[in-house]
């Protein structure tokens, strides 16, 4: 709520609480903040967020991974695929369940893959109809992951990311990633400092 004020140059009259803005600086963002509950599943959280989206595609990113995935390229690949969902996939770090992706990048299931293993890189673009599939799977005996929930009804595209990707699931992961950060060698730091 205070992003605009924190980014702009202002004068505040503490006696009257009047704020004069000298230099306006903000972003063209529309942010929806939801309390999805302490015990909600990922699926329940996605469905609650989906209610705020309208008819636009949504970028969904899990918070327990670090990568240098170019979100712009992921969105461009999604627009070009004309499908309900595009999931970024990356090479596994050794502990992840592999996904089968055919030569054209179409998701085939969780059977393993020929020509190199790929895992869900936890970044995806979802169309409104993908949320409809997820809503229908609530309360039913449905596939164990949201990729398969959507793939039951629609084609799902994989966006192959060959750059850096790592889950942060263990103390070992955290320690290794922190050591990269402290050494100034964090491959996921793709932004410039101001």
N, C-alpha and C. Protein backbone atom coordinates (compact mmCIF):
# COMPACT_ATOMS: atom_id res chain seq x y z
N UNK A 1 0.82 -1.20 0.00
CA UNK A 1 0.00 0.00 0.00
C UNK A 1 0.86 1.25 0.00
N UNK A 2 2.06 1.17 0.54
CA UNK A 2 2.90 2.35 0.64
C UNK A 2 4.00 2.41 -0.41
N UNK A 3 3.98 1.51 -1.39
CA UNK A 3 5.03 1.47 -2.40
C UNK A 3 5.18 2.83 -3.10
N UNK A 4 4.06 3.42 -3.50
CA UNK A 4 4.08 4.70 -4.21
C UNK A 4 4.77 5.78 -3.38
N UNK A 5 4.42 5.87 -2.11
CA UNK A 5 5.01 6.89 -1.23
C UNK A 5 6.49 6.61 -1.01
N UNK A 6 6.85 5.33 -0.82
CA UNK A 6 8.25 4.99 -0.57
C UNK A 6 9.14 5.25 -1.78
N UNK A 7 8.58 5.19 -2.98
CA UNK A 7 9.37 5.38 -4.19
C UNK A 7 9.43 6.84 -4.65
N UNK A 8 8.55 7.70 -4.14
CA UNK A 8 8.45 9.09 -4.58
C UNK A 8 9.16 10.03 -3.61
N UNK A 9 9.39 11.27 -4.07
CA UNK A 9 9.92 12.32 -3.19
C UNK A 9 8.73 13.09 -2.63
N UNK A 10 8.66 13.19 -1.31
CA UNK A 10 7.48 13.79 -0.68
C UNK A 10 7.87 14.74 0.46
N UNK A 11 6.92 15.60 0.82
CA UNK A 11 7.01 16.40 2.05
C UNK A 11 5.75 16.10 2.84
N UNK A 12 5.92 15.78 4.13
CA UNK A 12 4.79 15.49 5.01
C UNK A 12 4.70 16.59 6.05
N UNK A 13 3.53 17.24 6.15
CA UNK A 13 3.27 18.21 7.21
C UNK A 13 2.73 17.41 8.40
N UNK A 14 3.56 17.21 9.41
CA UNK A 14 3.17 16.36 10.54
C UNK A 14 2.03 16.95 11.36
N UNK A 15 1.85 18.26 11.31
CA UNK A 15 0.77 18.90 12.05
C UNK A 15 -0.59 18.59 11.41
N UNK A 16 -0.65 18.66 10.07
CA UNK A 16 -1.93 18.46 9.38
C UNK A 16 -2.05 17.09 8.71
N UNK A 17 -0.94 16.35 8.66
CA UNK A 17 -0.87 15.06 7.98
C UNK A 17 -1.06 15.20 6.47
N UNK A 18 -0.83 16.41 5.94
CA UNK A 18 -0.91 16.65 4.50
C UNK A 18 0.39 16.17 3.85
N UNK A 19 0.26 15.48 2.72
CA UNK A 19 1.42 14.98 1.98
C UNK A 19 1.48 15.68 0.64
N UNK A 20 2.64 16.28 0.35
CA UNK A 20 2.88 16.90 -0.95
C UNK A 20 3.88 16.00 -1.70
N UNK A 21 3.50 15.58 -2.89
CA UNK A 21 4.36 14.71 -3.70
C UNK A 21 5.12 15.58 -4.69
N UNK A 22 6.45 15.52 -4.64
CA UNK A 22 7.29 16.32 -5.53
C UNK A 22 7.65 15.56 -6.80
N UNK A 23 8.04 14.34 -6.65
CA UNK A 23 8.41 13.51 -7.80
C UNK A 23 7.69 12.18 -7.65
N UNK A 24 6.77 11.92 -8.57
CA UNK A 24 5.99 10.68 -8.53
C UNK A 24 6.78 9.58 -9.22
N UNK A 25 6.91 8.47 -8.55
CA UNK A 25 7.54 7.30 -9.16
C UNK A 25 6.81 6.08 -8.66
N UNK A 26 6.36 5.27 -9.60
CA UNK A 26 5.66 4.04 -9.25
C UNK A 26 5.79 3.06 -10.38
N UNK A 27 5.14 1.94 -10.26
CA UNK A 27 5.14 0.90 -11.29
C UNK A 27 3.71 0.68 -11.74
N UNK A 28 3.54 0.16 -12.93
CA UNK A 28 2.20 -0.11 -13.47
C UNK A 28 1.69 -1.47 -13.03
N UNK A 29 1.80 -1.75 -11.76
CA UNK A 29 1.41 -3.05 -11.23
C UNK A 29 0.03 -2.99 -10.60
N UNK A 30 -0.69 -4.08 -10.65
CA UNK A 30 -1.92 -4.25 -9.89
C UNK A 30 -1.68 -5.47 -9.02
N UNK A 31 -1.69 -5.30 -7.70
CA UNK A 31 -1.31 -6.35 -6.77
C UNK A 31 -2.52 -6.76 -5.95
N UNK A 32 -2.80 -8.06 -5.92
CA UNK A 32 -3.88 -8.61 -5.10
C UNK A 32 -3.22 -9.42 -3.98
N UNK A 33 -3.51 -9.10 -2.74
CA UNK A 33 -2.96 -9.80 -1.59
C UNK A 33 -4.09 -10.57 -0.93
N UNK A 34 -3.89 -11.88 -0.77
CA UNK A 34 -4.94 -12.75 -0.23
C UNK A 34 -4.46 -13.47 1.01
N UNK A 35 -5.33 -13.61 1.98
CA UNK A 35 -5.07 -14.49 3.11
C UNK A 35 -5.72 -15.82 2.74
N UNK A 36 -4.89 -16.78 2.32
CA UNK A 36 -5.41 -18.07 1.86
C UNK A 36 -5.52 -19.09 2.98
N UNK A 37 -5.18 -18.70 4.19
CA UNK A 37 -5.31 -19.61 5.32
C UNK A 37 -4.05 -20.41 5.57
N UNK A 38 -3.85 -20.73 6.80
CA UNK A 38 -2.64 -21.42 7.23
C UNK A 38 -2.55 -22.85 6.68
N UNK A 39 -3.66 -23.54 6.57
CA UNK A 39 -3.63 -24.96 6.21
C UNK A 39 -4.13 -25.27 4.81
N UNK A 40 -4.23 -24.25 3.96
CA UNK A 40 -4.71 -24.47 2.59
C UNK A 40 -3.66 -25.20 1.77
N UNK A 41 -4.13 -26.04 0.86
CA UNK A 41 -3.22 -26.74 -0.06
C UNK A 41 -2.80 -25.78 -1.17
N UNK A 42 -1.79 -26.19 -1.94
CA UNK A 42 -1.36 -25.38 -3.08
C UNK A 42 -2.53 -25.18 -4.04
N UNK A 43 -3.28 -26.23 -4.29
CA UNK A 43 -4.43 -26.15 -5.19
C UNK A 43 -5.46 -25.15 -4.68
N UNK A 44 -5.77 -25.20 -3.39
CA UNK A 44 -6.74 -24.25 -2.82
C UNK A 44 -6.23 -22.81 -2.93
N UNK A 45 -4.94 -22.60 -2.69
CA UNK A 45 -4.37 -21.26 -2.79
C UNK A 45 -4.44 -20.75 -4.23
N UNK A 46 -4.11 -21.62 -5.19
CA UNK A 46 -4.19 -21.21 -6.60
C UNK A 46 -5.60 -20.83 -7.00
N UNK A 47 -6.58 -21.61 -6.54
CA UNK A 47 -7.96 -21.31 -6.90
C UNK A 47 -8.42 -19.98 -6.31
N UNK A 48 -8.01 -19.68 -5.08
CA UNK A 48 -8.36 -18.38 -4.48
C UNK A 48 -7.72 -17.25 -5.26
N UNK A 49 -6.46 -17.42 -5.66
CA UNK A 49 -5.78 -16.39 -6.43
C UNK A 49 -6.41 -16.25 -7.81
N UNK A 50 -6.84 -17.36 -8.38
CA UNK A 50 -7.46 -17.34 -9.70
C UNK A 50 -8.71 -16.48 -9.77
N UNK A 51 -9.40 -16.34 -8.64
CA UNK A 51 -10.61 -15.52 -8.61
C UNK A 51 -10.30 -14.03 -8.81
N UNK A 52 -9.06 -13.62 -8.59
CA UNK A 52 -8.66 -12.21 -8.76
C UNK A 52 -8.16 -11.90 -10.16
N UNK A 53 -8.00 -12.90 -11.00
CA UNK A 53 -7.27 -12.71 -12.25
C UNK A 53 -8.09 -12.24 -13.43
N UNK A 54 -9.36 -12.53 -13.45
CA UNK A 54 -10.14 -12.19 -14.64
C UNK A 54 -9.78 -13.12 -15.78
N UNK A 55 -9.61 -12.56 -16.97
CA UNK A 55 -9.36 -13.37 -18.17
C UNK A 55 -7.91 -13.35 -18.63
N UNK A 56 -7.01 -12.88 -17.79
CA UNK A 56 -5.60 -12.79 -18.17
C UNK A 56 -4.84 -14.03 -17.73
N UNK A 57 -3.78 -14.40 -18.48
CA UNK A 57 -2.94 -15.50 -18.01
C UNK A 57 -2.23 -15.10 -16.72
N UNK A 58 -1.90 -16.10 -15.92
CA UNK A 58 -1.25 -15.84 -14.64
C UNK A 58 0.12 -16.49 -14.62
N UNK A 59 1.08 -15.78 -14.04
CA UNK A 59 2.39 -16.34 -13.76
C UNK A 59 2.34 -16.90 -12.34
N UNK A 60 2.65 -18.17 -12.19
CA UNK A 60 2.67 -18.82 -10.88
C UNK A 60 4.10 -19.28 -10.63
N UNK A 61 4.66 -18.87 -9.49
CA UNK A 61 6.03 -19.23 -9.15
C UNK A 61 6.04 -19.73 -7.71
N UNK A 62 6.58 -20.93 -7.50
CA UNK A 62 6.71 -21.45 -6.15
C UNK A 62 7.83 -20.70 -5.45
N UNK A 63 7.73 -20.55 -4.15
CA UNK A 63 8.70 -19.77 -3.39
C UNK A 63 9.89 -20.54 -2.86
N UNK A 64 10.01 -21.83 -3.20
CA UNK A 64 11.10 -22.61 -2.63
C UNK A 64 12.13 -23.05 -3.66
N UNK A 65 12.29 -22.25 -4.71
CA UNK A 65 13.29 -22.53 -5.75
C UNK A 65 13.98 -21.23 -6.14
N UNK A 66 15.21 -21.35 -6.59
CA UNK A 66 15.94 -20.22 -7.15
C UNK A 66 16.36 -20.59 -8.56
N UNK A 67 16.24 -19.63 -9.50
CA UNK A 67 16.63 -19.90 -10.88
C UNK A 67 16.93 -18.59 -11.59
N UNK A 68 17.47 -18.73 -12.79
CA UNK A 68 17.66 -17.57 -13.66
C UNK A 68 16.72 -17.66 -14.87
N UNK A 69 15.54 -18.26 -14.66
CA UNK A 69 14.54 -18.37 -15.73
C UNK A 69 14.15 -16.96 -16.18
N UNK A 70 14.18 -16.74 -17.49
CA UNK A 70 13.75 -15.47 -18.07
C UNK A 70 12.22 -15.52 -18.20
N UNK A 71 11.54 -14.83 -17.29
CA UNK A 71 10.07 -14.88 -17.24
C UNK A 71 9.46 -14.33 -18.54
N UNK A 72 10.11 -13.32 -19.13
CA UNK A 72 9.62 -12.78 -20.40
C UNK A 72 9.63 -13.84 -21.49
N UNK A 73 10.68 -14.64 -21.55
CA UNK A 73 10.76 -15.71 -22.55
C UNK A 73 9.77 -16.82 -22.25
N UNK A 74 9.55 -17.12 -20.97
CA UNK A 74 8.54 -18.10 -20.60
C UNK A 74 7.16 -17.64 -21.06
N UNK A 75 6.83 -16.37 -20.82
CA UNK A 75 5.53 -15.83 -21.23
C UNK A 75 5.40 -15.82 -22.75
N UNK A 76 6.47 -15.49 -23.46
CA UNK A 76 6.45 -15.49 -24.92
C UNK A 76 6.23 -16.91 -25.46
N UNK A 77 6.91 -17.89 -24.88
CA UNK A 77 6.73 -19.28 -25.29
C UNK A 77 5.29 -19.73 -25.03
N UNK A 78 4.72 -19.29 -23.92
CA UNK A 78 3.34 -19.65 -23.59
C UNK A 78 2.37 -19.06 -24.61
N UNK A 79 2.55 -17.78 -24.92
CA UNK A 79 1.66 -17.14 -25.90
C UNK A 79 1.74 -17.85 -27.25
N UNK A 80 2.95 -18.24 -27.64
CA UNK A 80 3.14 -18.91 -28.92
C UNK A 80 2.61 -20.32 -28.98
N UNK A 81 2.46 -20.97 -27.82
CA UNK A 81 2.03 -22.37 -27.79
C UNK A 81 0.52 -22.52 -27.92
N UNK A 82 -0.24 -21.52 -27.51
CA UNK A 82 -1.69 -21.60 -27.58
C UNK A 82 -2.26 -22.72 -26.74
N UNK A 83 -1.76 -22.88 -25.52
CA UNK A 83 -2.23 -23.95 -24.65
C UNK A 83 -2.70 -23.37 -23.31
N UNK A 84 -3.27 -24.23 -22.49
CA UNK A 84 -3.82 -23.78 -21.20
C UNK A 84 -2.74 -23.54 -20.16
N UNK A 85 -1.60 -24.23 -20.30
CA UNK A 85 -0.55 -24.10 -19.31
C UNK A 85 0.81 -24.35 -19.94
N UNK A 86 1.79 -23.58 -19.51
CA UNK A 86 3.19 -23.79 -19.89
C UNK A 86 4.00 -23.84 -18.61
N UNK A 87 4.70 -24.93 -18.40
CA UNK A 87 5.51 -25.12 -17.20
C UNK A 87 6.98 -25.06 -17.58
N UNK A 88 7.74 -24.28 -16.84
CA UNK A 88 9.19 -24.30 -17.02
C UNK A 88 9.71 -25.61 -16.45
N UNK A 89 10.59 -26.25 -17.19
CA UNK A 89 11.23 -27.47 -16.73
C UNK A 89 12.74 -27.25 -16.76
N UNK A 90 13.44 -27.90 -15.85
CA UNK A 90 14.89 -27.76 -15.75
C UNK A 90 15.49 -29.15 -15.51
N UNK A 91 16.79 -29.23 -15.67
CA UNK A 91 17.46 -30.49 -15.38
C UNK A 91 17.46 -30.72 -13.87
N UNK A 92 17.21 -31.95 -13.44
CA UNK A 92 17.11 -32.22 -12.00
C UNK A 92 18.44 -32.06 -11.28
N UNK A 93 18.32 -31.78 -10.00
CA UNK A 93 19.51 -31.67 -9.16
C UNK A 93 19.85 -33.01 -8.52
N UNK A 94 19.03 -34.02 -8.78
CA UNK A 94 19.33 -35.35 -8.26
C UNK A 94 18.27 -35.93 -7.36
N UNK A 95 17.36 -35.11 -6.82
CA UNK A 95 16.38 -35.61 -5.86
C UNK A 95 14.94 -35.44 -6.35
N UNK A 96 14.74 -35.01 -7.59
CA UNK A 96 13.41 -34.66 -8.05
C UNK A 96 12.81 -35.72 -8.97
N UNK A 97 11.47 -35.79 -8.98
CA UNK A 97 10.75 -36.68 -9.86
C UNK A 97 10.84 -36.14 -11.28
N UNK A 98 11.18 -36.98 -12.26
CA UNK A 98 11.37 -36.50 -13.62
C UNK A 98 10.06 -36.49 -14.40
N UNK A 99 9.99 -35.59 -15.38
CA UNK A 99 8.82 -35.43 -16.22
C UNK A 99 9.16 -35.88 -17.63
N UNK A 100 8.18 -36.43 -18.34
CA UNK A 100 8.37 -36.80 -19.73
C UNK A 100 7.87 -35.67 -20.61
N UNK A 101 8.76 -35.19 -21.50
CA UNK A 101 8.45 -34.10 -22.41
C UNK A 101 8.88 -34.56 -23.80
N UNK A 102 7.96 -34.53 -24.79
CA UNK A 102 8.32 -35.00 -26.12
C UNK A 102 9.22 -34.00 -26.85
N UNK A 103 9.65 -34.34 -28.05
CA UNK A 103 10.58 -33.52 -28.82
C UNK A 103 10.09 -32.12 -29.12
N UNK A 104 8.76 -31.92 -29.19
CA UNK A 104 8.20 -30.59 -29.45
C UNK A 104 7.91 -29.82 -28.17
N UNK A 105 8.20 -30.42 -27.02
CA UNK A 105 8.00 -29.72 -25.76
C UNK A 105 6.64 -29.96 -25.12
N UNK A 106 5.88 -30.96 -25.60
CA UNK A 106 4.58 -31.23 -24.99
C UNK A 106 4.74 -32.19 -23.83
N UNK A 107 4.10 -31.86 -22.74
CA UNK A 107 4.15 -32.67 -21.52
C UNK A 107 3.48 -34.02 -21.77
N UNK A 108 4.14 -35.12 -21.36
CA UNK A 108 3.64 -36.46 -21.60
C UNK A 108 3.29 -37.22 -20.33
N UNK A 109 3.64 -36.72 -19.17
CA UNK A 109 3.36 -37.41 -17.92
C UNK A 109 4.60 -37.49 -17.06
N UNK A 110 4.50 -38.26 -15.99
CA UNK A 110 5.61 -38.36 -15.03
C UNK A 110 6.27 -39.74 -15.12
N UNK A 111 6.58 -40.18 -16.32
CA UNK A 111 7.13 -41.51 -16.54
C UNK A 111 8.64 -41.51 -16.70
N UNK A 112 9.28 -40.37 -16.69
CA UNK A 112 10.70 -40.29 -17.01
C UNK A 112 10.84 -39.87 -18.45
N UNK A 113 12.01 -39.47 -18.86
CA UNK A 113 12.17 -38.91 -20.18
C UNK A 113 13.37 -39.48 -20.90
N UNK A 114 13.25 -39.59 -22.22
CA UNK A 114 14.39 -39.96 -23.04
C UNK A 114 15.11 -38.69 -23.45
N UNK A 115 16.42 -38.79 -23.65
CA UNK A 115 17.17 -37.63 -24.11
C UNK A 115 17.42 -36.61 -23.01
N UNK A 116 17.47 -37.03 -21.78
CA UNK A 116 17.73 -36.12 -20.67
C UNK A 116 16.51 -35.96 -19.79
N UNK A 117 16.75 -35.89 -18.51
CA UNK A 117 15.66 -35.78 -17.55
C UNK A 117 15.30 -34.32 -17.32
N UNK A 118 14.02 -34.07 -17.11
CA UNK A 118 13.50 -32.72 -16.83
C UNK A 118 12.60 -32.80 -15.61
N UNK A 119 12.63 -31.76 -14.78
CA UNK A 119 11.75 -31.68 -13.62
C UNK A 119 10.99 -30.35 -13.66
N UNK A 120 9.90 -30.30 -12.94
CA UNK A 120 9.12 -29.06 -12.82
C UNK A 120 10.01 -28.01 -12.15
N UNK A 121 10.24 -26.89 -12.84
CA UNK A 121 11.10 -25.82 -12.31
C UNK A 121 10.31 -24.80 -11.51
N UNK A 122 9.04 -25.09 -11.24
CA UNK A 122 8.22 -24.30 -10.31
C UNK A 122 7.91 -22.89 -10.80
N UNK A 123 7.90 -22.69 -12.10
CA UNK A 123 7.46 -21.43 -12.71
C UNK A 123 6.56 -21.79 -13.87
N UNK A 124 5.38 -21.20 -13.92
CA UNK A 124 4.41 -21.59 -14.95
C UNK A 124 3.50 -20.45 -15.33
N UNK A 125 2.98 -20.51 -16.54
CA UNK A 125 1.96 -19.59 -17.03
C UNK A 125 0.67 -20.39 -17.16
N UNK A 126 -0.41 -19.88 -16.56
CA UNK A 126 -1.70 -20.57 -16.60
C UNK A 126 -2.76 -19.66 -17.19
N UNK A 127 -3.51 -20.18 -18.13
CA UNK A 127 -4.67 -19.50 -18.69
C UNK A 127 -5.87 -19.71 -17.76
N UNK A 128 -6.89 -18.85 -17.87
CA UNK A 128 -8.08 -19.03 -17.01
C UNK A 128 -8.68 -20.43 -17.08
N UNK A 129 -8.65 -21.07 -18.28
CA UNK A 129 -9.23 -22.41 -18.37
C UNK A 129 -8.46 -23.44 -17.56
N UNK A 130 -7.17 -23.19 -17.31
CA UNK A 130 -6.40 -24.08 -16.44
C UNK A 130 -6.96 -24.05 -15.01
N UNK A 131 -7.37 -22.87 -14.57
CA UNK A 131 -7.96 -22.76 -13.23
C UNK A 131 -9.28 -23.51 -13.17
N UNK A 132 -10.01 -23.54 -14.30
CA UNK A 132 -11.25 -24.31 -14.36
C UNK A 132 -10.99 -25.80 -14.16
N UNK A 133 -9.93 -26.32 -14.76
CA UNK A 133 -9.56 -27.74 -14.58
C UNK A 133 -9.22 -28.01 -13.12
N UNK A 134 -8.48 -27.10 -12.52
CA UNK A 134 -8.09 -27.28 -11.13
C UNK A 134 -9.32 -27.25 -10.22
N UNK A 135 -10.27 -26.34 -10.53
CA UNK A 135 -11.49 -26.24 -9.72
C UNK A 135 -12.29 -27.53 -9.81
N UNK A 136 -12.38 -28.09 -11.02
CA UNK A 136 -13.13 -29.34 -11.20
C UNK A 136 -12.50 -30.51 -10.45
N UNK A 137 -11.18 -30.49 -10.28
CA UNK A 137 -10.50 -31.60 -9.62
C UNK A 137 -10.62 -31.55 -8.10
N UNK A 138 -11.05 -30.41 -7.56
CA UNK A 138 -11.23 -30.30 -6.11
C UNK A 138 -12.28 -31.30 -5.65
N UNK A 139 -11.98 -32.02 -4.60
CA UNK A 139 -12.94 -32.94 -4.02
C UNK A 139 -13.05 -34.27 -4.75
N UNK A 140 -12.34 -34.42 -5.87
CA UNK A 140 -12.37 -35.68 -6.60
C UNK A 140 -11.05 -36.41 -6.36
N UNK A 141 -11.05 -37.67 -6.67
CA UNK A 141 -9.80 -38.42 -6.66
C UNK A 141 -9.08 -38.01 -7.94
N UNK A 142 -8.16 -37.09 -7.83
CA UNK A 142 -7.52 -36.54 -9.01
C UNK A 142 -6.03 -36.82 -9.00
N UNK A 143 -5.34 -36.55 -10.10
CA UNK A 143 -3.89 -36.75 -10.13
C UNK A 143 -3.22 -35.98 -8.99
N UNK A 144 -2.02 -36.44 -8.63
CA UNK A 144 -1.36 -35.89 -7.45
C UNK A 144 -0.72 -34.53 -7.67
N UNK A 145 -0.59 -34.07 -8.90
CA UNK A 145 0.04 -32.77 -9.10
C UNK A 145 -0.79 -31.92 -10.05
N UNK A 146 -0.58 -30.62 -9.99
CA UNK A 146 -1.44 -29.74 -10.78
C UNK A 146 -1.15 -29.82 -12.26
N UNK A 147 0.05 -30.22 -12.68
CA UNK A 147 0.32 -30.39 -14.11
C UNK A 147 -0.62 -31.46 -14.67
N UNK A 148 -0.70 -32.60 -13.97
CA UNK A 148 -1.55 -33.68 -14.45
C UNK A 148 -3.04 -33.31 -14.38
N UNK A 149 -3.45 -32.51 -13.39
CA UNK A 149 -4.84 -32.06 -13.32
C UNK A 149 -5.22 -31.31 -14.60
N UNK A 150 -4.34 -30.42 -15.04
CA UNK A 150 -4.61 -29.63 -16.24
C UNK A 150 -4.49 -30.50 -17.48
N UNK A 151 -3.48 -31.39 -17.51
CA UNK A 151 -3.23 -32.23 -18.69
C UNK A 151 -4.36 -33.22 -18.96
N UNK A 152 -5.23 -33.49 -17.99
CA UNK A 152 -6.39 -34.35 -18.24
C UNK A 152 -7.33 -33.73 -19.25
N UNK A 153 -7.40 -32.40 -19.29
CA UNK A 153 -8.36 -31.69 -20.13
C UNK A 153 -7.73 -30.89 -21.27
N UNK A 154 -6.49 -30.46 -21.10
CA UNK A 154 -5.85 -29.57 -22.08
C UNK A 154 -4.42 -30.00 -22.35
N UNK A 155 -3.89 -29.54 -23.48
CA UNK A 155 -2.47 -29.75 -23.74
C UNK A 155 -1.66 -28.85 -22.82
N UNK A 156 -0.55 -29.38 -22.37
CA UNK A 156 0.35 -28.65 -21.48
C UNK A 156 1.71 -28.59 -22.16
N UNK A 157 2.27 -27.41 -22.24
CA UNK A 157 3.57 -27.20 -22.90
C UNK A 157 4.67 -27.07 -21.86
N UNK A 158 5.85 -27.59 -22.20
CA UNK A 158 7.02 -27.44 -21.34
C UNK A 158 7.94 -26.39 -21.96
N UNK A 159 8.43 -25.51 -21.15
CA UNK A 159 9.43 -24.52 -21.55
C UNK A 159 10.75 -25.00 -20.96
N UNK A 160 11.65 -25.45 -21.84
CA UNK A 160 12.92 -26.01 -21.37
C UNK A 160 13.88 -24.90 -20.94
N UNK A 161 14.28 -24.97 -19.69
CA UNK A 161 15.25 -24.00 -19.14
C UNK A 161 16.54 -24.75 -18.86
N UNK A 162 17.59 -24.39 -19.58
CA UNK A 162 18.87 -25.07 -19.40
C UNK A 162 19.82 -24.31 -18.49
N UNK A 163 19.38 -23.18 -17.96
CA UNK A 163 20.22 -22.39 -17.08
C UNK A 163 20.18 -22.91 -15.65
N UNK A 164 20.42 -22.02 -14.72
CA UNK A 164 20.49 -22.39 -13.31
C UNK A 164 19.09 -22.58 -12.73
N UNK A 165 18.92 -23.65 -11.97
CA UNK A 165 17.70 -23.89 -11.20
C UNK A 165 18.08 -24.78 -10.02
N UNK A 166 17.57 -24.44 -8.85
CA UNK A 166 17.80 -25.27 -7.67
C UNK A 166 16.63 -25.13 -6.70
N UNK A 167 16.14 -26.26 -6.17
CA UNK A 167 15.17 -26.16 -5.08
C UNK A 167 15.89 -25.75 -3.80
N UNK A 168 15.14 -25.20 -2.87
CA UNK A 168 15.68 -24.87 -1.54
C UNK A 168 14.82 -25.64 -0.54
N UNK A 169 15.11 -26.93 -0.43
CA UNK A 169 14.26 -27.83 0.35
C UNK A 169 14.92 -28.35 1.62
N UNK A 170 16.24 -28.22 1.70
CA UNK A 170 16.96 -28.76 2.84
C UNK A 170 17.94 -27.72 3.37
N UNK A 171 18.45 -27.97 4.54
CA UNK A 171 19.49 -27.09 5.10
C UNK A 171 20.71 -27.12 4.19
N UNK A 172 21.00 -28.29 3.63
CA UNK A 172 22.13 -28.42 2.70
C UNK A 172 21.95 -27.49 1.50
N UNK A 173 20.73 -27.46 0.91
CA UNK A 173 20.44 -26.56 -0.21
C UNK A 173 20.66 -25.11 0.20
N UNK A 174 20.09 -24.75 1.34
CA UNK A 174 20.17 -23.37 1.83
C UNK A 174 21.62 -22.95 2.05
N UNK A 175 22.40 -23.82 2.67
CA UNK A 175 23.80 -23.50 2.95
C UNK A 175 24.59 -23.31 1.66
N UNK A 176 24.39 -24.20 0.70
CA UNK A 176 25.09 -24.11 -0.58
C UNK A 176 24.72 -22.82 -1.32
N UNK A 177 23.42 -22.51 -1.38
CA UNK A 177 22.96 -21.31 -2.09
C UNK A 177 23.44 -20.03 -1.39
N UNK A 178 23.42 -20.02 -0.06
CA UNK A 178 23.95 -18.87 0.68
C UNK A 178 25.44 -18.68 0.41
N UNK A 179 26.20 -19.78 0.30
CA UNK A 179 27.63 -19.66 0.03
C UNK A 179 27.87 -19.07 -1.36
N UNK A 180 27.04 -19.42 -2.33
CA UNK A 180 27.15 -18.82 -3.66
C UNK A 180 26.86 -17.32 -3.59
N UNK A 181 25.82 -16.95 -2.84
CA UNK A 181 25.46 -15.54 -2.70
C UNK A 181 26.60 -14.74 -2.05
N UNK A 182 27.13 -15.26 -0.96
CA UNK A 182 28.19 -14.56 -0.22
C UNK A 182 29.47 -14.43 -1.05
N UNK A 183 29.72 -15.39 -1.93
CA UNK A 183 30.91 -15.35 -2.78
C UNK A 183 30.69 -14.48 -4.03
N UNK A 184 29.49 -13.91 -4.17
CA UNK A 184 29.18 -13.10 -5.35
C UNK A 184 29.04 -13.93 -6.62
N UNK A 185 28.69 -15.21 -6.46
CA UNK A 185 28.58 -16.12 -7.60
C UNK A 185 27.18 -16.71 -7.73
N UNK A 186 26.17 -15.95 -7.33
CA UNK A 186 24.79 -16.44 -7.37
C UNK A 186 24.26 -16.35 -8.80
N UNK A 187 24.10 -17.48 -9.50
CA UNK A 187 23.66 -17.44 -10.89
C UNK A 187 22.24 -16.91 -11.09
N UNK A 188 21.45 -16.92 -10.03
CA UNK A 188 20.08 -16.41 -10.14
C UNK A 188 20.01 -14.90 -10.01
N UNK A 189 21.07 -14.24 -9.63
CA UNK A 189 21.07 -12.77 -9.51
C UNK A 189 21.31 -12.18 -10.89
N UNK A 190 20.22 -11.91 -11.59
CA UNK A 190 20.31 -11.41 -12.96
C UNK A 190 19.92 -9.94 -13.07
N UNK A 191 19.67 -9.29 -11.94
CA UNK A 191 19.29 -7.89 -11.93
C UNK A 191 20.49 -7.01 -11.61
N UNK A 192 20.37 -5.74 -11.96
CA UNK A 192 21.42 -4.76 -11.68
C UNK A 192 21.03 -3.98 -10.44
N UNK A 193 22.00 -3.70 -9.60
CA UNK A 193 21.78 -2.87 -8.40
C UNK A 193 21.65 -1.41 -8.83
N UNK A 194 20.79 -0.68 -8.15
CA UNK A 194 20.61 0.75 -8.44
C UNK A 194 21.54 1.58 -7.61
